[in-house]
ModelCIF file with pLDDT and N, C-alpha, C, O atoms, coordinates in Angstrom:
data_MODEL
#
_entry.id   MODEL 
#
_entity.id                         1 
_entity.type                       polymer 
_entity.pdbx_number_of_molecules   1 
#
_entity_poly.entity_id                      1 
_entity_poly.type                           'polypeptide(L)' 
_entity_poly.nstd_linkage                   no 
_entity_poly.nstd_monomer                   no 
_entity_poly.pdbx_seq_one_letter_code       AEGEAHRVLVLGGARSGKSFTAEGLLAEYARVQYVATGAVPEASDV 
_entity_poly.pdbx_seq_one_letter_code_can   AEGEAHRVLVLGGARSGKSFTAEGLLAEYARVQYVATGAVPEASDV 
_entity_poly.pdbx_strand_id                 A 
#
loop_
_entity_poly_seq.entity_id 
_entity_poly_seq.num 
_entity_poly_seq.mon_id 
_entity_poly_seq.hetero 
1 1  ALA n 
1 2  GLU n 
1 3  GLY n 
1 4  GLU n 
1 5  ALA n 
1 6  HIS n 
1 7  ARG n 
1 8  VAL n 
1 9  LEU n 
1 10 VAL n 
1 11 LEU n 
1 12 GLY n 
1 13 GLY n 
1 14 ALA n 
1 15 ARG n 
1 16 SER n 
1 17 GLY n 
1 18 LYS n 
1 19 SER n 
1 20 PHE n 
1 21 THR n 
1 22 ALA n 
1 23 GLU n 
1 24 GLY n 
1 25 LEU n 
1 26 LEU n 
1 27 ALA n 
1 28 GLU n 
1 29 TYR n 
1 30 ALA n 
1 31 ARG n 
1 32 VAL n 
1 33 GLN n 
1 34 TYR n 
1 35 VAL n 
1 36 ALA n 
1 37 THR n 
1 38 GLY n 
1 39 ALA n 
1 40 VAL n 
1 41 PRO n 
1 42 GLU n 
1 43 ALA n 
1 44 SER n 
1 45 ASP n 
1 46 VAL n 
#
_struct_asym.id          A 
_struct_asym.entity_id   1 
#
loop_
_ma_qa_metric.id 
_ma_qa_metric.mode 
_ma_qa_metric.name 
_ma_qa_metric.software_group_id 
_ma_qa_metric.type 
1 global pLDDT . pLDDT 
2 local  pLDDT . pLDDT 
#
_ma_qa_metric_global.metric_id      1 
_ma_qa_metric_global.metric_value   85.41 
_ma_qa_metric_global.model_id       1 
_ma_qa_metric_global.ordinal_id     1 
#
loop_
_ma_qa_metric_local.label_asym_id 
_ma_qa_metric_local.label_comp_id 
_ma_qa_metric_local.label_seq_id 
_ma_qa_metric_local.metric_id 
_ma_qa_metric_local.metric_value 
_ma_qa_metric_local.model_id 
_ma_qa_metric_local.ordinal_id 
A ALA 1  2 43.00 1 1  
A GLU 2  2 45.00 1 2  
A GLY 3  2 51.00 1 3  
A GLU 4  2 63.00 1 4  
A ALA 5  2 83.00 1 5  
A HIS 6  2 95.00 1 6  
A ARG 7  2 97.00 1 7  
A VAL 8  2 98.00 1 8  
A LEU 9  2 98.00 1 9  
A VAL 10 2 98.00 1 10 
A LEU 11 2 98.00 1 11 
A GLY 12 2 97.00 1 12 
A GLY 13 2 93.00 1 13 
A ALA 14 2 88.00 1 14 
A ARG 15 2 89.00 1 15 
A SER 16 2 94.00 1 16 
A GLY 17 2 94.00 1 17 
A LYS 18 2 96.00 1 18 
A SER 19 2 94.00 1 19 
A PHE 20 2 93.00 1 20 
A THR 21 2 96.00 1 21 
A ALA 22 2 96.00 1 22 
A GLU 23 2 95.00 1 23 
A GLY 24 2 95.00 1 24 
A LEU 25 2 96.00 1 25 
A LEU 26 2 95.00 1 26 
A ALA 27 2 92.00 1 27 
A GLU 28 2 92.00 1 28 
A TYR 29 2 94.00 1 29 
A ALA 30 2 94.00 1 30 
A ARG 31 2 95.00 1 31 
A VAL 32 2 96.00 1 32 
A GLN 33 2 96.00 1 33 
A TYR 34 2 96.00 1 34 
A VAL 35 2 97.00 1 35 
A ALA 36 2 95.00 1 36 
A THR 37 2 95.00 1 37 
A GLY 38 2 85.00 1 38 
A ALA 39 2 71.00 1 39 
A VAL 40 2 64.00 1 40 
A PRO 41 2 57.00 1 41 
A GLU 42 2 62.00 1 42 
A ALA 43 2 61.00 1 43 
A SER 44 2 68.00 1 44 
A ASP 45 2 68.00 1 45 
A VAL 46 2 71.00 1 46 
#
loop_
_atom_site.group_PDB 
_atom_site.id 
_atom_site.type_symbol 
_atom_site.label_atom_id 
_atom_site.label_alt_id 
_atom_site.label_comp_id 
_atom_site.label_asym_id 
_atom_site.label_entity_id 
_atom_site.label_seq_id 
_atom_site.pdbx_PDB_ins_code 
_atom_site.Cartn_x 
_atom_site.Cartn_y 
_atom_site.Cartn_z 
_atom_site.occupancy 
_atom_site.B_iso_or_equiv 
_atom_site.pdbx_formal_charge 
_atom_site.auth_seq_id 
_atom_site.auth_comp_id 
_atom_site.auth_asym_id 
_atom_site.auth_atom_id 
_atom_site.pdbx_PDB_model_num 
ATOM 1   N N  . ALA A 1 1  ? 2.991  51.078 -43.326 1.00 43.00 ? 1  ALA A N  1 
ATOM 2   C CA . ALA A 1 1  ? 2.169  50.946 -44.565 1.00 43.00 ? 1  ALA A CA 1 
ATOM 3   C C  . ALA A 1 1  ? 3.264  50.488 -45.648 1.00 43.00 ? 1  ALA A C  1 
ATOM 4   O O  . ALA A 1 1  ? 4.403  50.930 -45.493 1.00 43.00 ? 1  ALA A O  1 
ATOM 5   N N  . GLU A 1 2  ? 2.996  49.609 -46.762 1.00 45.00 ? 2  GLU A N  1 
ATOM 6   C CA . GLU A 1 2  ? 4.008  49.048 -47.937 1.00 45.00 ? 2  GLU A CA 1 
ATOM 7   C C  . GLU A 1 2  ? 4.840  50.565 -47.917 1.00 45.00 ? 2  GLU A C  1 
ATOM 8   O O  . GLU A 1 2  ? 4.407  51.681 -48.206 1.00 45.00 ? 2  GLU A O  1 
ATOM 9   N N  . GLY A 1 3  ? 6.166  50.157 -47.473 1.00 51.00 ? 3  GLY A N  1 
ATOM 10  C CA . GLY A 1 3  ? 6.960  51.368 -48.399 1.00 51.00 ? 3  GLY A CA 1 
ATOM 11  C C  . GLY A 1 3  ? 7.535  51.897 -47.036 1.00 51.00 ? 3  GLY A C  1 
ATOM 12  O O  . GLY A 1 3  ? 8.739  52.151 -46.995 1.00 51.00 ? 3  GLY A O  1 
ATOM 13  N N  . GLU A 1 4  ? 6.816  52.067 -45.998 1.00 63.00 ? 4  GLU A N  1 
ATOM 14  C CA . GLU A 1 4  ? 7.536  52.755 -44.747 1.00 63.00 ? 4  GLU A CA 1 
ATOM 15  C C  . GLU A 1 4  ? 8.614  51.983 -44.139 1.00 63.00 ? 4  GLU A C  1 
ATOM 16  O O  . GLU A 1 4  ? 8.439  50.795 -43.867 1.00 63.00 ? 4  GLU A O  1 
ATOM 17  N N  . ALA A 1 5  ? 9.787  52.616 -43.895 1.00 83.00 ? 5  ALA A N  1 
ATOM 18  C CA . ALA A 1 5  ? 10.953 52.053 -43.039 1.00 83.00 ? 5  ALA A CA 1 
ATOM 19  C C  . ALA A 1 5  ? 10.640 51.352 -41.704 1.00 83.00 ? 5  ALA A C  1 
ATOM 20  O O  . ALA A 1 5  ? 10.431 52.020 -40.691 1.00 83.00 ? 5  ALA A O  1 
ATOM 21  N N  . HIS A 1 6  ? 10.613 50.247 -41.700 1.00 95.00 ? 6  HIS A N  1 
ATOM 22  C CA . HIS A 1 6  ? 10.174 49.490 -40.023 1.00 95.00 ? 6  HIS A CA 1 
ATOM 23  C C  . HIS A 1 6  ? 10.884 48.095 -39.992 1.00 95.00 ? 6  HIS A C  1 
ATOM 24  O O  . HIS A 1 6  ? 10.423 47.154 -40.637 1.00 95.00 ? 6  HIS A O  1 
ATOM 25  N N  . ARG A 1 7  ? 12.095 47.971 -39.176 1.00 97.00 ? 7  ARG A N  1 
ATOM 26  C CA . ARG A 1 7  ? 12.636 46.806 -38.966 1.00 97.00 ? 7  ARG A CA 1 
ATOM 27  C C  . ARG A 1 7  ? 11.953 46.178 -37.849 1.00 97.00 ? 7  ARG A C  1 
ATOM 28  O O  . ARG A 1 7  ? 11.413 46.607 -36.830 1.00 97.00 ? 7  ARG A O  1 
ATOM 29  N N  . VAL A 1 8  ? 12.169 44.873 -38.424 1.00 98.00 ? 8  VAL A N  1 
ATOM 30  C CA . VAL A 1 8  ? 11.477 43.758 -37.206 1.00 98.00 ? 8  VAL A CA 1 
ATOM 31  C C  . VAL A 1 8  ? 12.759 42.774 -37.244 1.00 98.00 ? 8  VAL A C  1 
ATOM 32  O O  . VAL A 1 8  ? 13.373 42.464 -38.265 1.00 98.00 ? 8  VAL A O  1 
ATOM 33  N N  . LEU A 1 9  ? 13.104 42.252 -35.637 1.00 98.00 ? 9  LEU A N  1 
ATOM 34  C CA . LEU A 1 9  ? 14.079 41.063 -35.679 1.00 98.00 ? 9  LEU A CA 1 
ATOM 35  C C  . LEU A 1 9  ? 13.084 40.046 -34.807 1.00 98.00 ? 9  LEU A C  1 
ATOM 36  O O  . LEU A 1 9  ? 12.498 40.304 -33.756 1.00 98.00 ? 9  LEU A O  1 
ATOM 37  N N  . VAL A 1 10 ? 13.081 38.924 -35.507 1.00 98.00 ? 10 VAL A N  1 
ATOM 38  C CA . VAL A 1 10 ? 12.297 37.580 -35.097 1.00 98.00 ? 10 VAL A CA 1 
ATOM 39  C C  . VAL A 1 10 ? 13.700 36.470 -34.508 1.00 98.00 ? 10 VAL A C  1 
ATOM 40  O O  . VAL A 1 10 ? 14.625 36.084 -35.223 1.00 98.00 ? 10 VAL A O  1 
ATOM 41  N N  . LEU A 1 11 ? 13.540 36.206 -33.324 1.00 98.00 ? 11 LEU A N  1 
ATOM 42  C CA . LEU A 1 11 ? 14.610 35.183 -32.590 1.00 98.00 ? 11 LEU A CA 1 
ATOM 43  C C  . LEU A 1 11 ? 14.143 34.194 -32.175 1.00 98.00 ? 11 LEU A C  1 
ATOM 44  O O  . LEU A 1 11 ? 13.034 34.149 -31.643 1.00 98.00 ? 11 LEU A O  1 
ATOM 45  N N  . GLY A 1 12 ? 14.956 33.141 -32.352 1.00 97.00 ? 12 GLY A N  1 
ATOM 46  C CA . GLY A 1 12 ? 14.299 31.831 -31.261 1.00 97.00 ? 12 GLY A CA 1 
ATOM 47  C C  . GLY A 1 12 ? 15.383 30.685 -31.634 1.00 97.00 ? 12 GLY A C  1 
ATOM 48  O O  . GLY A 1 12 ? 16.192 30.597 -32.558 1.00 97.00 ? 12 GLY A O  1 
ATOM 49  N N  . GLY A 1 13 ? 15.115 29.964 -30.698 1.00 93.00 ? 13 GLY A N  1 
ATOM 50  C CA . GLY A 1 13 ? 16.120 28.796 -31.318 1.00 93.00 ? 13 GLY A CA 1 
ATOM 51  C C  . GLY A 1 13 ? 15.531 27.381 -32.188 1.00 93.00 ? 13 GLY A C  1 
ATOM 52  O O  . GLY A 1 13 ? 14.359 27.432 -32.560 1.00 93.00 ? 13 GLY A O  1 
ATOM 53  N N  . ALA A 1 14 ? 16.301 26.194 -32.490 1.00 88.00 ? 14 ALA A N  1 
ATOM 54  C CA . ALA A 1 14 ? 15.705 25.437 -33.433 1.00 88.00 ? 14 ALA A CA 1 
ATOM 55  C C  . ALA A 1 14 ? 14.525 24.860 -32.802 1.00 88.00 ? 14 ALA A C  1 
ATOM 56  O O  . ALA A 1 14 ? 14.378 24.542 -31.622 1.00 88.00 ? 14 ALA A O  1 
ATOM 57  N N  . ARG A 1 15 ? 13.392 24.743 -34.149 1.00 89.00 ? 15 ARG A N  1 
ATOM 58  C CA . ARG A 1 15 ? 11.865 24.751 -33.903 1.00 89.00 ? 15 ARG A CA 1 
ATOM 59  C C  . ARG A 1 15 ? 11.149 24.948 -33.076 1.00 89.00 ? 15 ARG A C  1 
ATOM 60  O O  . ARG A 1 15 ? 10.366 24.180 -32.517 1.00 89.00 ? 15 ARG A O  1 
ATOM 61  N N  . SER A 1 16 ? 11.494 26.741 -32.809 1.00 94.00 ? 16 SER A N  1 
ATOM 62  C CA . SER A 1 16 ? 10.896 27.585 -31.899 1.00 94.00 ? 16 SER A CA 1 
ATOM 63  C C  . SER A 1 16 ? 9.632  28.105 -32.385 1.00 94.00 ? 16 SER A C  1 
ATOM 64  O O  . SER A 1 16 ? 8.781  28.668 -31.696 1.00 94.00 ? 16 SER A O  1 
ATOM 65  N N  . GLY A 1 17 ? 9.585  27.886 -33.541 1.00 94.00 ? 17 GLY A N  1 
ATOM 66  C CA . GLY A 1 17 ? 8.162  29.087 -34.061 1.00 94.00 ? 17 GLY A CA 1 
ATOM 67  C C  . GLY A 1 17 ? 8.662  29.883 -35.304 1.00 94.00 ? 17 GLY A C  1 
ATOM 68  O O  . GLY A 1 17 ? 8.081  29.897 -36.389 1.00 94.00 ? 17 GLY A O  1 
ATOM 69  N N  . LYS A 1 18 ? 10.031 30.667 -34.949 1.00 96.00 ? 18 LYS A N  1 
ATOM 70  C CA . LYS A 1 18 ? 10.062 31.958 -35.677 1.00 96.00 ? 18 LYS A CA 1 
ATOM 71  C C  . LYS A 1 18 ? 10.238 31.848 -36.935 1.00 96.00 ? 18 LYS A C  1 
ATOM 72  O O  . LYS A 1 18 ? 10.348 32.988 -37.386 1.00 96.00 ? 18 LYS A O  1 
ATOM 73  N N  . SER A 1 19 ? 10.341 30.926 -37.909 1.00 94.00 ? 19 SER A N  1 
ATOM 74  C CA . SER A 1 19 ? 10.061 31.037 -39.275 1.00 94.00 ? 19 SER A CA 1 
ATOM 75  C C  . SER A 1 19 ? 8.439  31.784 -39.385 1.00 94.00 ? 19 SER A C  1 
ATOM 76  O O  . SER A 1 19 ? 8.085  32.873 -39.838 1.00 94.00 ? 19 SER A O  1 
ATOM 77  N N  . PHE A 1 20 ? 7.666  30.637 -38.741 1.00 93.00 ? 20 PHE A N  1 
ATOM 78  C CA . PHE A 1 20 ? 6.315  31.071 -38.829 1.00 93.00 ? 20 PHE A CA 1 
ATOM 79  C C  . PHE A 1 20 ? 5.841  32.324 -38.272 1.00 93.00 ? 20 PHE A C  1 
ATOM 80  O O  . PHE A 1 20 ? 4.904  32.938 -38.783 1.00 93.00 ? 20 PHE A O  1 
ATOM 81  N N  . THR A 1 21 ? 6.475  32.729 -37.217 1.00 96.00 ? 21 THR A N  1 
ATOM 82  C CA . THR A 1 21 ? 6.186  34.075 -36.885 1.00 96.00 ? 21 THR A CA 1 
ATOM 83  C C  . THR A 1 21 ? 6.360  34.936 -37.599 1.00 96.00 ? 21 THR A C  1 
ATOM 84  O O  . THR A 1 21 ? 5.463  35.737 -37.862 1.00 96.00 ? 21 THR A O  1 
ATOM 85  N N  . ALA A 1 22 ? 7.554  35.007 -38.104 1.00 96.00 ? 22 ALA A N  1 
ATOM 86  C CA . ALA A 1 22 ? 8.002  36.389 -38.927 1.00 96.00 ? 22 ALA A CA 1 
ATOM 87  C C  . ALA A 1 22 ? 7.167  36.243 -40.318 1.00 96.00 ? 22 ALA A C  1 
ATOM 88  O O  . ALA A 1 22 ? 6.925  37.167 -41.094 1.00 96.00 ? 22 ALA A O  1 
ATOM 89  N N  . GLU A 1 23 ? 6.858  35.157 -40.434 1.00 95.00 ? 23 GLU A N  1 
ATOM 90  C CA . GLU A 1 23 ? 5.780  34.861 -41.939 1.00 95.00 ? 23 GLU A CA 1 
ATOM 91  C C  . GLU A 1 23 ? 4.227  35.541 -41.582 1.00 95.00 ? 23 GLU A C  1 
ATOM 92  O O  . GLU A 1 23 ? 3.545  36.155 -42.402 1.00 95.00 ? 23 GLU A O  1 
ATOM 93  N N  . GLY A 1 24 ? 3.870  35.285 -40.220 1.00 95.00 ? 24 GLY A N  1 
ATOM 94  C CA . GLY A 1 24 ? 2.499  35.761 -39.721 1.00 95.00 ? 24 GLY A CA 1 
ATOM 95  C C  . GLY A 1 24 ? 2.609  37.170 -39.626 1.00 95.00 ? 24 GLY A C  1 
ATOM 96  O O  . GLY A 1 24 ? 1.576  37.780 -39.900 1.00 95.00 ? 24 GLY A O  1 
ATOM 97  N N  . LEU A 1 25 ? 3.884  38.035 -39.215 1.00 96.00 ? 25 LEU A N  1 
ATOM 98  C CA . LEU A 1 25 ? 3.796  39.102 -39.371 1.00 96.00 ? 25 LEU A CA 1 
ATOM 99  C C  . LEU A 1 25 ? 3.416  39.909 -40.746 1.00 96.00 ? 25 LEU A C  1 
ATOM 100 O O  . LEU A 1 25 ? 2.878  41.008 -40.883 1.00 96.00 ? 25 LEU A O  1 
ATOM 101 N N  . LEU A 1 26 ? 3.931  38.879 -41.805 1.00 95.00 ? 26 LEU A N  1 
ATOM 102 C CA . LEU A 1 26 ? 3.634  39.617 -43.167 1.00 95.00 ? 26 LEU A CA 1 
ATOM 103 C C  . LEU A 1 26 ? 2.366  38.860 -44.052 1.00 95.00 ? 26 LEU A C  1 
ATOM 104 O O  . LEU A 1 26 ? 2.350  38.838 -45.283 1.00 95.00 ? 26 LEU A O  1 
ATOM 105 N N  . ALA A 1 27 ? 1.615  38.421 -43.432 1.00 92.00 ? 27 ALA A N  1 
ATOM 106 C CA . ALA A 1 27 ? 0.544  37.299 -43.646 1.00 92.00 ? 27 ALA A CA 1 
ATOM 107 C C  . ALA A 1 27 ? -0.597 38.837 -44.225 1.00 92.00 ? 27 ALA A C  1 
ATOM 108 O O  . ALA A 1 27 ? -1.611 38.331 -44.707 1.00 92.00 ? 27 ALA A O  1 
ATOM 109 N N  . GLU A 1 28 ? -0.657 39.825 -44.271 1.00 92.00 ? 28 GLU A N  1 
ATOM 110 C CA . GLU A 1 28 ? -1.510 40.412 -44.896 1.00 92.00 ? 28 GLU A CA 1 
ATOM 111 C C  . GLU A 1 28 ? -1.101 41.112 -46.161 1.00 92.00 ? 28 GLU A C  1 
ATOM 112 O O  . GLU A 1 28 ? -1.908 41.729 -46.857 1.00 92.00 ? 28 GLU A O  1 
ATOM 113 N N  . TYR A 1 29 ? 0.574  40.960 -46.523 1.00 94.00 ? 29 TYR A N  1 
ATOM 114 C CA . TYR A 1 29 ? 0.869  41.121 -47.711 1.00 94.00 ? 29 TYR A CA 1 
ATOM 115 C C  . TYR A 1 29 ? 0.579  40.609 -48.806 1.00 94.00 ? 29 TYR A C  1 
ATOM 116 O O  . TYR A 1 29 ? 0.392  39.471 -48.373 1.00 94.00 ? 29 TYR A O  1 
ATOM 117 N N  . ALA A 1 30 ? 0.339  40.499 -50.160 1.00 94.00 ? 30 ALA A N  1 
ATOM 118 C CA . ALA A 1 30 ? 0.119  39.708 -50.842 1.00 94.00 ? 30 ALA A CA 1 
ATOM 119 C C  . ALA A 1 30 ? 1.499  39.602 -51.356 1.00 94.00 ? 30 ALA A C  1 
ATOM 120 O O  . ALA A 1 30 ? 2.006  38.481 -51.411 1.00 94.00 ? 30 ALA A O  1 
ATOM 121 N N  . ARG A 1 31 ? 2.212  40.711 -51.765 1.00 95.00 ? 31 ARG A N  1 
ATOM 122 C CA . ARG A 1 31 ? 3.582  40.553 -52.115 1.00 95.00 ? 31 ARG A CA 1 
ATOM 123 C C  . ARG A 1 31 ? 4.634  40.702 -51.547 1.00 95.00 ? 31 ARG A C  1 
ATOM 124 O O  . ARG A 1 31 ? 4.763  41.915 -51.379 1.00 95.00 ? 31 ARG A O  1 
ATOM 125 N N  . VAL A 1 32 ? 5.722  40.023 -51.029 1.00 96.00 ? 32 VAL A N  1 
ATOM 126 C CA . VAL A 1 32 ? 6.801  40.028 -49.903 1.00 96.00 ? 32 VAL A CA 1 
ATOM 127 C C  . VAL A 1 32 ? 8.292  39.484 -50.746 1.00 96.00 ? 32 VAL A C  1 
ATOM 128 O O  . VAL A 1 32 ? 8.207  38.440 -51.391 1.00 96.00 ? 32 VAL A O  1 
ATOM 129 N N  . GLN A 1 33 ? 9.172  39.977 -50.718 1.00 96.00 ? 33 GLN A N  1 
ATOM 130 C CA . GLN A 1 33 ? 10.677 39.337 -51.056 1.00 96.00 ? 33 GLN A CA 1 
ATOM 131 C C  . GLN A 1 33 ? 11.067 38.571 -49.883 1.00 96.00 ? 33 GLN A C  1 
ATOM 132 O O  . GLN A 1 33 ? 11.123 39.047 -48.748 1.00 96.00 ? 33 GLN A O  1 
ATOM 133 N N  . TYR A 1 34 ? 11.291 37.566 -50.144 1.00 96.00 ? 34 TYR A N  1 
ATOM 134 C CA . TYR A 1 34 ? 11.632 36.222 -49.630 1.00 96.00 ? 34 TYR A CA 1 
ATOM 135 C C  . TYR A 1 34 ? 13.200 35.918 -49.312 1.00 96.00 ? 34 TYR A C  1 
ATOM 136 O O  . TYR A 1 34 ? 13.519 34.940 -49.988 1.00 96.00 ? 34 TYR A O  1 
ATOM 137 N N  . VAL A 1 35 ? 13.959 36.242 -48.778 1.00 97.00 ? 35 VAL A N  1 
ATOM 138 C CA . VAL A 1 35 ? 15.404 36.161 -48.817 1.00 97.00 ? 35 VAL A CA 1 
ATOM 139 C C  . VAL A 1 35 ? 15.848 34.798 -48.414 1.00 97.00 ? 35 VAL A C  1 
ATOM 140 O O  . VAL A 1 35 ? 15.592 34.657 -47.219 1.00 97.00 ? 35 VAL A O  1 
ATOM 141 N N  . ALA A 1 36 ? 16.200 34.131 -48.731 1.00 95.00 ? 36 ALA A N  1 
ATOM 142 C CA . ALA A 1 36 ? 16.431 32.827 -48.854 1.00 95.00 ? 36 ALA A CA 1 
ATOM 143 C C  . ALA A 1 36 ? 18.056 32.547 -48.832 1.00 95.00 ? 36 ALA A C  1 
ATOM 144 O O  . ALA A 1 36 ? 18.702 32.264 -49.841 1.00 95.00 ? 36 ALA A O  1 
ATOM 145 N N  . THR A 1 37 ? 18.668 32.691 -47.346 1.00 95.00 ? 37 THR A N  1 
ATOM 146 C CA . THR A 1 37 ? 20.363 32.503 -47.410 1.00 95.00 ? 37 THR A CA 1 
ATOM 147 C C  . THR A 1 37 ? 20.875 31.221 -47.279 1.00 95.00 ? 37 THR A C  1 
ATOM 148 O O  . THR A 1 37 ? 21.987 30.991 -47.755 1.00 95.00 ? 37 THR A O  1 
ATOM 149 N N  . GLY A 1 38 ? 20.348 30.482 -46.800 1.00 85.00 ? 38 GLY A N  1 
ATOM 150 C CA . GLY A 1 38 ? 20.586 29.128 -47.136 1.00 85.00 ? 38 GLY A CA 1 
ATOM 151 C C  . GLY A 1 38 ? 21.406 28.417 -48.210 1.00 85.00 ? 38 GLY A C  1 
ATOM 152 O O  . GLY A 1 38 ? 21.381 28.955 -49.317 1.00 85.00 ? 38 GLY A O  1 
ATOM 153 N N  . ALA A 1 39 ? 22.128 27.303 -48.080 1.00 71.00 ? 39 ALA A N  1 
ATOM 154 C CA . ALA A 1 39 ? 22.733 26.829 -48.845 1.00 71.00 ? 39 ALA A CA 1 
ATOM 155 C C  . ALA A 1 39 ? 21.460 26.095 -50.180 1.00 71.00 ? 39 ALA A C  1 
ATOM 156 O O  . ALA A 1 39 ? 20.455 25.645 -49.631 1.00 71.00 ? 39 ALA A O  1 
ATOM 157 N N  . VAL A 1 40 ? 21.458 25.998 -51.384 1.00 64.00 ? 40 VAL A N  1 
ATOM 158 C CA . VAL A 1 40 ? 20.628 25.409 -51.976 1.00 64.00 ? 40 VAL A CA 1 
ATOM 159 C C  . VAL A 1 40 ? 20.829 23.755 -51.766 1.00 64.00 ? 40 VAL A C  1 
ATOM 160 O O  . VAL A 1 40 ? 21.936 23.231 -51.637 1.00 64.00 ? 40 VAL A O  1 
ATOM 161 N N  . PRO A 1 41 ? 19.673 23.100 -51.756 1.00 57.00 ? 41 PRO A N  1 
ATOM 162 C CA . PRO A 1 41 ? 20.146 21.493 -51.129 1.00 57.00 ? 41 PRO A CA 1 
ATOM 163 C C  . PRO A 1 41 ? 20.948 20.520 -52.245 1.00 57.00 ? 41 PRO A C  1 
ATOM 164 O O  . PRO A 1 41 ? 20.768 20.634 -53.457 1.00 57.00 ? 41 PRO A O  1 
ATOM 165 N N  . GLU A 1 42 ? 21.695 19.723 -51.746 1.00 62.00 ? 42 GLU A N  1 
ATOM 166 C CA . GLU A 1 42 ? 22.304 18.626 -53.260 1.00 62.00 ? 42 GLU A CA 1 
ATOM 167 C C  . GLU A 1 42 ? 21.363 17.615 -53.104 1.00 62.00 ? 42 GLU A C  1 
ATOM 168 O O  . GLU A 1 42 ? 20.503 17.363 -52.259 1.00 62.00 ? 42 GLU A O  1 
ATOM 169 N N  . ALA A 1 43 ? 21.754 17.091 -54.158 1.00 61.00 ? 43 ALA A N  1 
ATOM 170 C CA . ALA A 1 43 ? 20.533 15.980 -54.537 1.00 61.00 ? 43 ALA A CA 1 
ATOM 171 C C  . ALA A 1 43 ? 20.512 14.775 -53.492 1.00 61.00 ? 43 ALA A C  1 
ATOM 172 O O  . ALA A 1 43 ? 19.509 14.062 -53.480 1.00 61.00 ? 43 ALA A O  1 
ATOM 173 N N  . SER A 1 44 ? 21.673 14.479 -52.523 1.00 68.00 ? 44 SER A N  1 
ATOM 174 C CA . SER A 1 44 ? 22.115 13.523 -52.029 1.00 68.00 ? 44 SER A CA 1 
ATOM 175 C C  . SER A 1 44 ? 21.823 13.976 -50.402 1.00 68.00 ? 44 SER A C  1 
ATOM 176 O O  . SER A 1 44 ? 21.970 13.321 -49.370 1.00 68.00 ? 44 SER A O  1 
ATOM 177 N N  . ASP A 1 45 ? 21.397 15.233 -50.596 1.00 68.00 ? 45 ASP A N  1 
ATOM 178 C CA . ASP A 1 45 ? 20.617 15.413 -48.986 1.00 68.00 ? 45 ASP A CA 1 
ATOM 179 C C  . ASP A 1 45 ? 19.413 15.644 -48.864 1.00 68.00 ? 45 ASP A C  1 
ATOM 180 O O  . ASP A 1 45 ? 18.854 16.740 -48.822 1.00 68.00 ? 45 ASP A O  1 
ATOM 181 N N  . VAL A 1 46 ? 18.873 14.369 -48.789 1.00 71.00 ? 46 VAL A N  1 
ATOM 182 C CA . VAL A 1 46 ? 16.984 14.437 -48.648 1.00 71.00 ? 46 VAL A CA 1 
ATOM 183 C C  . VAL A 1 46 ? 16.380 15.220 -47.770 1.00 71.00 ? 46 VAL A C  1 
ATOM 184 O O  . VAL A 1 46 ? 15.151 15.240 -47.705 1.00 71.00 ? 46 VAL A O  1 
#
């Protein structure tokens, strides 16, 4: 249930589908905090 402590780790190599899998695990939730840890893209890095 929302608010219940439950920890899930999703592992995979590059292009393995790990991000899609993690998002699918939360597909039933209307609200999610998505913590993006990657660097903000520079204008030159298309």
